[in-house]
Amino acid sequence: MTDLHVVETANGKALVFGGRAASVSVGDARLNVVPVFIESSADSSFGDGIDGLLGNSFLGNFDANFKGGFLELQPRA
């Protein structure tokens, strides 16, 4: 991954590397060949204790609902 990007997060701007993951899974929700960004430094631009964020490249393929404090993902038809 050598493609550097500046992205805007809730904590401000972050420098990230762009690439593609072979697959991303959250519970039973799974996608193949997903665009991803990897944080470029040891700084935690995403927030303390947060290693990464799910963005629209993954979540945009699902209808997302919060129920009782849980995220429920259903594939879009």
PDB file of N, CA and C in Angstrom:
ATOM      1  N   MET A   1       0.844  -1.186   0.000  1.00  0.00           N
ATOM      2  CA  MET A   1       0.000   0.000   0.000  1.00  0.00           C
ATOM      3  C   MET A   1       0.884   1.242   0.000  1.00  0.00           C
ATOM      4  N   THR A   2       0.844   1.957  -1.053  1.00  0.00           N
ATOM      5  CA  THR A   2       1.652   3.161  -1.124  1.00  0.00           C
ATOM      6  C   THR A   2       0.826   4.381  -1.446  1.00  0.00           C
ATOM      7  N   ASP A   3      -0.450   4.234  -1.563  1.00  0.00           N
ATOM      8  CA  ASP A   3      -1.345   5.309  -1.947  1.00  0.00           C
ATOM      9  C   ASP A   3      -1.791   6.090  -0.706  1.00  0.00           C
ATOM     10  N   LEU A   4      -1.189   7.271  -0.434  1.00  0.00           N
ATOM     11  CA  LEU A   4      -1.528   8.055   0.759  1.00  0.00           C
ATOM     12  C   LEU A   4      -2.717   8.973   0.501  1.00  0.00           C
ATOM     13  N   HIS A   5      -3.594   9.078   1.500  1.00  0.00           N
ATOM     14  CA  HIS A   5      -4.787   9.923   1.430  1.00  0.00           C
ATOM     15  C   HIS A   5      -4.951  10.667   2.752  1.00  0.00           C
ATOM     16  N   VAL A   6      -5.565  11.827   2.688  1.00  0.00           N
ATOM     17  CA  VAL A   6      -5.988  12.533   3.897  1.00  0.00           C
ATOM     18  C   VAL A   6      -7.497  12.351   3.987  1.00  0.00           C
ATOM     19  N   VAL A   7      -7.966  11.834   5.121  1.00  0.00           N
ATOM     20  CA  VAL A   7      -9.404  11.641   5.334  1.00  0.00           C
ATOM     21  C   VAL A   7      -9.851  12.446   6.547  1.00  0.00           C
ATOM     22  N   GLU A   8     -11.106  12.796   6.574  1.00  0.00           N
ATOM     23  CA  GLU A   8     -11.701  13.543   7.686  1.00  0.00           C
ATOM     24  C   GLU A   8     -12.452  12.565   8.577  1.00  0.00           C
ATOM     25  N   THR A   9     -12.077  12.514   9.851  1.00  0.00           N
ATOM     26  CA  THR A   9     -12.762  11.657  10.823  1.00  0.00           C
ATOM     27  C   THR A   9     -13.459  12.547  11.852  1.00  0.00           C
ATOM     28  N   ALA A  10     -14.159  11.954  12.772  1.00  0.00           N
ATOM     29  CA  ALA A  10     -14.813  12.709  13.838  1.00  0.00           C
ATOM     30  C   ALA A  10     -13.779  13.436  14.704  1.00  0.00           C
ATOM     31  N   ASN A  11     -12.544  12.920  14.740  1.00  0.00           N
ATOM     32  CA  ASN A  11     -11.468  13.539  15.520  1.00  0.00           C
ATOM     33  C   ASN A  11     -10.574  14.452  14.681  1.00  0.00           C
ATOM     34  N   GLY A  12     -10.961  14.738  13.446  1.00  0.00           N
ATOM     35  CA  GLY A  12     -10.156  15.590  12.578  1.00  0.00           C
ATOM     36  C   GLY A  12      -9.559  14.819  11.429  1.00  0.00           C
ATOM     37  N   LYS A  13      -8.550  15.410  10.793  1.00  0.00           N
ATOM     38  CA  LYS A  13      -7.925  14.795   9.624  1.00  0.00           C
ATOM     39  C   LYS A  13      -6.936  13.715  10.037  1.00  0.00           C
ATOM     40  N   ALA A  14      -6.838  12.673   9.192  1.00  0.00           N
ATOM     41  CA  ALA A  14      -5.901  11.582   9.432  1.00  0.00           C
ATOM     42  C   ALA A  14      -5.228  11.227   8.112  1.00  0.00           C
ATOM     43  N   LEU A  15      -3.943  10.880   8.175  1.00  0.00           N
ATOM     44  CA  LEU A  15      -3.200  10.427   7.018  1.00  0.00           C
ATOM     45  C   LEU A  15      -3.299   8.909   6.968  1.00  0.00           C
ATOM     46  N   VAL A  16      -3.768   8.367   5.847  1.00  0.00           N
ATOM     47  CA  VAL A  16      -4.014   6.929   5.740  1.00  0.00           C
ATOM     48  C   VAL A  16      -3.471   6.391   4.417  1.00  0.00           C
ATOM     49  N   PHE A  17      -3.183   5.103   4.393  1.00  0.00           N
ATOM     50  CA  PHE A  17      -2.818   4.394   3.164  1.00  0.00           C
ATOM     51  C   PHE A  17      -4.085   3.773   2.589  1.00  0.00           C
ATOM     52  N   GLY A  18      -4.235   3.790   1.268  1.00  0.00           N
ATOM     53  CA  GLY A  18      -5.382   3.172   0.622  1.00  0.00           C
ATOM     54  C   GLY A  18      -5.016   1.822   0.044  1.00  0.00           C
ATOM     55  N   GLY A  19      -5.997   0.942  -0.006  1.00  0.00           N
ATOM     56  CA  GLY A  19      -5.781  -0.384  -0.577  1.00  0.00           C
ATOM     57  C   GLY A  19      -7.095  -1.134  -0.668  1.00  0.00           C
ATOM     58  N   ARG A  20      -7.012  -2.422  -0.803  1.00  0.00           N
ATOM     59  CA  ARG A  20      -8.205  -3.277  -0.860  1.00  0.00           C
ATOM     60  C   ARG A  20      -7.990  -4.489   0.036  1.00  0.00           C
ATOM     61  N   ALA A  21      -9.015  -4.843   0.777  1.00  0.00           N
ATOM     62  CA  ALA A  21      -8.987  -6.063   1.590  1.00  0.00           C
ATOM     63  C   ALA A  21      -9.628  -7.179   0.778  1.00  0.00           C
ATOM     64  N   ALA A  22      -9.068  -8.372   0.861  1.00  0.00           N
ATOM     65  CA  ALA A  22      -9.643  -9.518   0.155  1.00  0.00           C
ATOM     66  C   ALA A  22     -11.074  -9.748   0.609  1.00  0.00           C
ATOM     67  N   SER A  23     -11.330  -9.561   1.928  1.00  0.00           N
ATOM     68  CA  SER A  23     -12.687  -9.669   2.458  1.00  0.00           C
ATOM     69  C   SER A  23     -12.769  -8.951   3.792  1.00  0.00           C
ATOM     70  N   VAL A  24     -13.978  -8.512   4.130  1.00  0.00           N
ATOM     71  CA  VAL A  24     -14.272  -7.893   5.424  1.00  0.00           C
ATOM     72  C   VAL A  24     -15.530  -8.567   5.955  1.00  0.00           C
ATOM     73  N   SER A  25     -15.480  -9.014   7.212  1.00  0.00           N
ATOM     74  CA  SER A  25     -16.622  -9.669   7.839  1.00  0.00           C
ATOM     75  C   SER A  25     -16.941  -9.017   9.170  1.00  0.00           C
ATOM     76  N   VAL A  26     -18.217  -8.842   9.421  1.00  0.00           N
ATOM     77  CA  VAL A  26     -18.720  -8.401  10.718  1.00  0.00           C
ATOM     78  C   VAL A  26     -19.891  -9.325  11.027  1.00  0.00           C
ATOM     79  N   GLY A  27     -19.693 -10.230  11.972  1.00  0.00           N
ATOM     80  CA  GLY A  27     -20.721 -11.239  12.224  1.00  0.00           C
ATOM     81  C   GLY A  27     -20.945 -12.039  10.954  1.00  0.00           C
ATOM     82  N   ASP A  28     -22.195 -12.136  10.515  1.00  0.00           N
ATOM     83  CA  ASP A  28     -22.526 -12.866   9.293  1.00  0.00           C
ATOM     84  C   ASP A  28     -22.445 -12.001   8.043  1.00  0.00           C
ATOM     85  N   ALA A  29     -22.234 -10.686   8.211  1.00  0.00           N
ATOM     86  CA  ALA A  29     -22.137  -9.774   7.068  1.00  0.00           C
ATOM     87  C   ALA A  29     -20.721  -9.851   6.504  1.00  0.00           C
ATOM     88  N   ARG A  30     -20.617 -10.132   5.206  1.00  0.00           N
ATOM     89  CA  ARG A  30     -19.298 -10.299   4.588  1.00  0.00           C
ATOM     90  C   ARG A  30     -19.306  -9.728   3.173  1.00  0.00           C
ATOM     91  N   LEU A  31     -18.222  -9.037   2.819  1.00  0.00           N
ATOM     92  CA  LEU A  31     -18.009  -8.551   1.453  1.00  0.00           C
ATOM     93  C   LEU A  31     -16.608  -8.941   1.018  1.00  0.00           C
ATOM     94  N   ASN A  32     -16.442  -9.164  -0.271  1.00  0.00           N
ATOM     95  CA  ASN A  32     -15.135  -9.460  -0.847  1.00  0.00           C
ATOM     96  C   ASN A  32     -14.626  -8.248  -1.613  1.00  0.00           C
ATOM     97  N   VAL A  33     -13.325  -8.094  -1.667  1.00  0.00           N
ATOM     98  CA  VAL A  33     -12.624  -7.022  -2.385  1.00  0.00           C
ATOM     99  C   VAL A  33     -13.207  -5.658  -1.994  1.00  0.00           C
ATOM    100  N   VAL A  34     -12.897  -5.238  -0.770  1.00  0.00           N
ATOM    101  CA  VAL A  34     -13.429  -4.003  -0.189  1.00  0.00           C
ATOM    102  C   VAL A  34     -12.333  -2.941  -0.137  1.00  0.00           C
ATOM    103  N   PRO A  35     -12.605  -1.722  -0.656  1.00  0.00           N
ATOM    104  CA  PRO A  35     -11.629  -0.643  -0.495  1.00  0.00           C
ATOM    105  C   PRO A  35     -11.445  -0.340   0.994  1.00  0.00           C
ATOM    106  N   VAL A  36     -10.183  -0.162   1.415  1.00  0.00           N
ATOM    107  CA  VAL A  36      -9.894   0.109   2.824  1.00  0.00           C
ATOM    108  C   VAL A  36      -8.852   1.217   2.945  1.00  0.00           C
ATOM    109  N   PHE A  37      -8.822   1.857   4.113  1.00  0.00           N
ATOM    110  CA  PHE A  37      -7.785   2.804   4.480  1.00  0.00           C
ATOM    111  C   PHE A  37      -7.153   2.319   5.769  1.00  0.00           C
ATOM    112  N   ILE A  38      -5.830   2.357   5.823  1.00  0.00           N
ATOM    113  CA  ILE A  38      -5.072   1.932   6.996  1.00  0.00           C
ATOM    114  C   ILE A  38      -4.359   3.156   7.555  1.00  0.00           C
ATOM    115  N   GLU A  39      -4.520   3.404   8.852  1.00  0.00           N
ATOM    116  CA  GLU A  39      -3.874   4.556   9.470  1.00  0.00           C
ATOM    117  C   GLU A  39      -2.358   4.463   9.299  1.00  0.00           C
ATOM    118  N   SER A  40      -1.735   5.586   8.945  1.00  0.00           N
ATOM    119  CA  SER A  40      -0.319   5.571   8.572  1.00  0.00           C
ATOM    120  C   SER A  40       0.643   5.762   9.725  1.00  0.00           C
ATOM    121  N   SER A  41       0.158   6.054  10.923  1.00  0.00           N
ATOM    122  CA  SER A  41       1.069   6.315  12.035  1.00  0.00           C
ATOM    123  C   SER A  41       0.607   5.584  13.289  1.00  0.00           C
ATOM    124  N   ALA A  42       1.444   5.633  14.311  1.00  0.00           N
ATOM    125  CA  ALA A  42       1.084   5.027  15.587  1.00  0.00           C
ATOM    126  C   ALA A  42       0.083   5.899  16.348  1.00  0.00           C
ATOM    127  N   ASP A  43      -0.082   7.167  15.903  1.00  0.00           N
ATOM    128  CA  ASP A  43      -1.063   8.042  16.540  1.00  0.00           C
ATOM    129  C   ASP A  43      -2.455   7.460  16.333  1.00  0.00           C
ATOM    130  N   SER A  44      -3.301   7.624  17.318  1.00  0.00           N
ATOM    131  CA  SER A  44      -4.648   7.089  17.227  1.00  0.00           C
ATOM    132  C   SER A  44      -5.608   8.183  16.767  1.00  0.00           C
ATOM    133  N   SER A  45      -5.562   8.506  15.480  1.00  0.00           N
ATOM    134  CA  SER A  45      -6.427   9.558  14.941  1.00  0.00           C
ATOM    135  C   SER A  45      -7.903   9.200  15.030  1.00  0.00           C
ATOM    136  N   PHE A  46      -8.193   7.895  15.075  1.00  0.00           N
ATOM    137  CA  PHE A  46      -9.585   7.457  15.121  1.00  0.00           C
ATOM    138  C   PHE A  46     -10.160   7.533  16.531  1.00  0.00           C
ATOM    139  N   GLY A  47      -9.318   7.682  17.553  1.00  0.00           N
ATOM    140  CA  GLY A  47      -9.767   7.748  18.936  1.00  0.00           C
ATOM    141  C   GLY A  47      -9.113   6.662  19.770  1.00  0.00           C
ATOM    142  N   ASP A  48      -9.048   6.886  21.064  1.00  0.00           N
ATOM    143  CA  ASP A  48      -8.427   5.910  21.967  1.00  0.00           C
ATOM    144  C   ASP A  48      -9.154   4.577  21.912  1.00  0.00           C
ATOM    145  N   GLY A  49      -8.392   3.510  21.770  1.00  0.00           N
ATOM    146  CA  GLY A  49      -8.961   2.169  21.761  1.00  0.00           C
ATOM    147  C   GLY A  49      -9.668   1.790  20.471  1.00  0.00           C
ATOM    148  N   ILE A  50      -9.586   2.641  19.444  1.00  0.00           N
ATOM    149  CA  ILE A  50     -10.241   2.345  18.168  1.00  0.00           C
ATOM    150  C   ILE A  50      -9.160   2.055  17.141  1.00  0.00           C
ATOM    151  N   ASP A  51      -9.168   0.835  16.616  1.00  0.00           N
ATOM    152  CA  ASP A  51      -8.156   0.418  15.650  1.00  0.00           C
ATOM    153  C   ASP A  51      -8.543   0.734  14.212  1.00  0.00           C
ATOM    154  N   GLY A  52      -9.818   0.880  13.952  1.00  0.00           N
ATOM    155  CA  GLY A  52     -10.282   1.154  12.595  1.00  0.00           C
ATOM    156  C   GLY A  52     -11.741   1.519  12.593  1.00  0.00           C
ATOM    157  N   LEU A  53     -12.200   1.958  11.451  1.00  0.00           N
ATOM    158  CA  LEU A  53     -13.593   2.378  11.302  1.00  0.00           C
ATOM    159  C   LEU A  53     -14.214   1.656  10.117  1.00  0.00           C
ATOM    160  N   LEU A  54     -15.486   1.321  10.230  1.00  0.00           N
ATOM    161  CA  LEU A  54     -16.220   0.801   9.079  1.00  0.00           C
ATOM    162  C   LEU A  54     -16.831   1.981   8.347  1.00  0.00           C
ATOM    163  N   GLY A  55     -16.557   2.077   7.061  1.00  0.00           N
ATOM    164  CA  GLY A  55     -17.074   3.189   6.276  1.00  0.00           C
ATOM    165  C   GLY A  55     -18.111   2.732   5.277  1.00  0.00           C
ATOM    166  N   ASN A  56     -18.447   3.654   4.395  1.00  0.00           N
ATOM    167  CA  ASN A  56     -19.493   3.400   3.416  1.00  0.00           C
ATOM    168  C   ASN A  56     -19.086   2.338   2.396  1.00  0.00           C
ATOM    169  N   SER A  57     -17.775   2.121   2.183  1.00  0.00           N
ATOM    170  CA  SER A  57     -17.362   1.074   1.251  1.00  0.00           C
ATOM    171  C   SER A  57     -17.825  -0.298   1.724  1.00  0.00           C
ATOM    172  N   PHE A  58     -18.030  -0.457   3.030  1.00  0.00           N
ATOM    173  CA  PHE A  58     -18.588  -1.699   3.585  1.00  0.00           C
ATOM    174  C   PHE A  58     -20.057  -1.511   3.944  1.00  0.00           C
ATOM    175  N   LEU A  59     -20.346  -0.546   4.812  1.00  0.00           N
ATOM    176  CA  LEU A  59     -21.709  -0.372   5.329  1.00  0.00           C
ATOM    177  C   LEU A  59     -22.717   0.031   4.260  1.00  0.00           C
ATOM    178  N   GLY A  60     -22.256   0.680   3.183  1.00  0.00           N
ATOM    179  CA  GLY A  60     -23.155   1.104   2.119  1.00  0.00           C
ATOM    180  C   GLY A  60     -23.810  -0.038   1.368  1.00  0.00           C
ATOM    181  N   ASN A  61     -23.350  -1.258   1.596  1.00  0.00           N
ATOM    182  CA  ASN A  61     -23.932  -2.441   0.963  1.00  0.00           C
ATOM    183  C   ASN A  61     -25.007  -3.105   1.816  1.00  0.00           C
ATOM    184  N   PHE A  62     -25.285  -2.517   2.970  1.00  0.00           N
ATOM    185  CA  PHE A  62     -26.229  -3.115   3.918  1.00  0.00           C
ATOM    186  C   PHE A  62     -27.211  -2.070   4.412  1.00  0.00           C
ATOM    187  N   ASP A  63     -28.397  -2.525   4.813  1.00  0.00           N
ATOM    188  CA  ASP A  63     -29.309  -1.686   5.582  1.00  0.00           C
ATOM    189  C   ASP A  63     -28.898  -1.876   7.032  1.00  0.00           C
ATOM    190  N   ALA A  64     -28.540  -0.803   7.695  1.00  0.00           N
ATOM    191  CA  ALA A  64     -28.053  -0.869   9.072  1.00  0.00           C
ATOM    192  C   ALA A  64     -29.117  -0.337  10.024  1.00  0.00           C
ATOM    193  N   ASN A  65     -29.406  -1.097  11.064  1.00  0.00           N
ATOM    194  CA  ASN A  65     -30.367  -0.697  12.093  1.00  0.00           C
ATOM    195  C   ASN A  65     -29.759  -0.945  13.463  1.00  0.00           C
ATOM    196  N   PHE A  66     -29.987   0.007  14.375  1.00  0.00           N
ATOM    197  CA  PHE A  66     -29.570  -0.175  15.760  1.00  0.00           C
ATOM    198  C   PHE A  66     -30.775  -0.642  16.554  1.00  0.00           C
ATOM    199  N   LYS A  67     -30.625  -1.783  17.234  1.00  0.00           N
ATOM    200  CA  LYS A  67     -31.696  -2.331  18.054  1.00  0.00           C
ATOM    201  C   LYS A  67     -31.125  -2.748  19.397  1.00  0.00           C
ATOM    202  N   GLY A  68     -31.616  -2.163  20.460  1.00  0.00           N
ATOM    203  CA  GLY A  68     -31.184  -2.543  21.804  1.00  0.00           C
ATOM    204  C   GLY A  68     -29.683  -2.439  22.007  1.00  0.00           C
ATOM    205  N   GLY A  69     -29.048  -1.441  21.405  1.00  0.00           N
ATOM    206  CA  GLY A  69     -27.616  -1.262  21.567  1.00  0.00           C
ATOM    207  C   GLY A  69     -26.767  -2.107  20.635  1.00  0.00           C
ATOM    208  N   PHE A  70     -27.396  -2.813  19.693  1.00  0.00           N
ATOM    209  CA  PHE A  70     -26.676  -3.657  18.749  1.00  0.00           C
ATOM    210  C   PHE A  70     -26.891  -3.170  17.328  1.00  0.00           C
ATOM    211  N   LEU A  71     -25.894  -3.373  16.487  1.00  0.00           N
ATOM    212  CA  LEU A  71     -25.990  -3.033  15.081  1.00  0.00           C
ATOM    213  C   LEU A  71     -26.434  -4.271  14.315  1.00  0.00           C
ATOM    214  N   GLU A  72     -27.513  -4.129  13.561  1.00  0.00           N
ATOM    215  CA  GLU A  72     -28.021  -5.232  12.731  1.00  0.00           C
ATOM    216  C   GLU A  72     -27.808  -4.860  11.269  1.00  0.00           C
ATOM    217  N   LEU A  73     -27.129  -5.708  10.525  1.00  0.00           N
ATOM    218  CA  LEU A  73     -26.859  -5.462   9.111  1.00  0.00           C
ATOM    219  C   LEU A  73     -27.629  -6.461   8.247  1.00  0.00           C
ATOM    220  N   GLN A  74     -28.379  -5.944   7.290  1.00  0.00           N
ATOM    221  CA  GLN A  74     -29.116  -6.785   6.340  1.00  0.00           C
ATOM    222  C   GLN A  74     -28.659  -6.420   4.938  1.00  0.00           C
ATOM    223  N   PRO A  75     -28.311  -7.415   4.099  1.00  0.00           N
ATOM    224  CA  PRO A  75     -27.884  -7.105   2.731  1.00  0.00           C
ATOM    225  C   PRO A  75     -28.976  -6.326   1.990  1.00  0.00           C
ATOM    226  N   ARG A  76     -28.541  -5.340   1.203  1.00  0.00           N
ATOM    227  CA  ARG A  76     -29.491  -4.605   0.375  1.00  0.00           C
ATOM    228  C   ARG A  76     -29.895  -5.465  -0.805  1.00  0.00           C
ATOM    229  N   ALA A  77     -31.134  -5.372  -1.176  1.00  0.00           N
ATOM    230  CA  ALA A  77     -31.644  -6.179  -2.301  1.00  0.00           C
ATOM    231  C   ALA A  77     -31.266  -5.585  -3.629  1.00  0.00           C
TER     232      ALA A  77
END
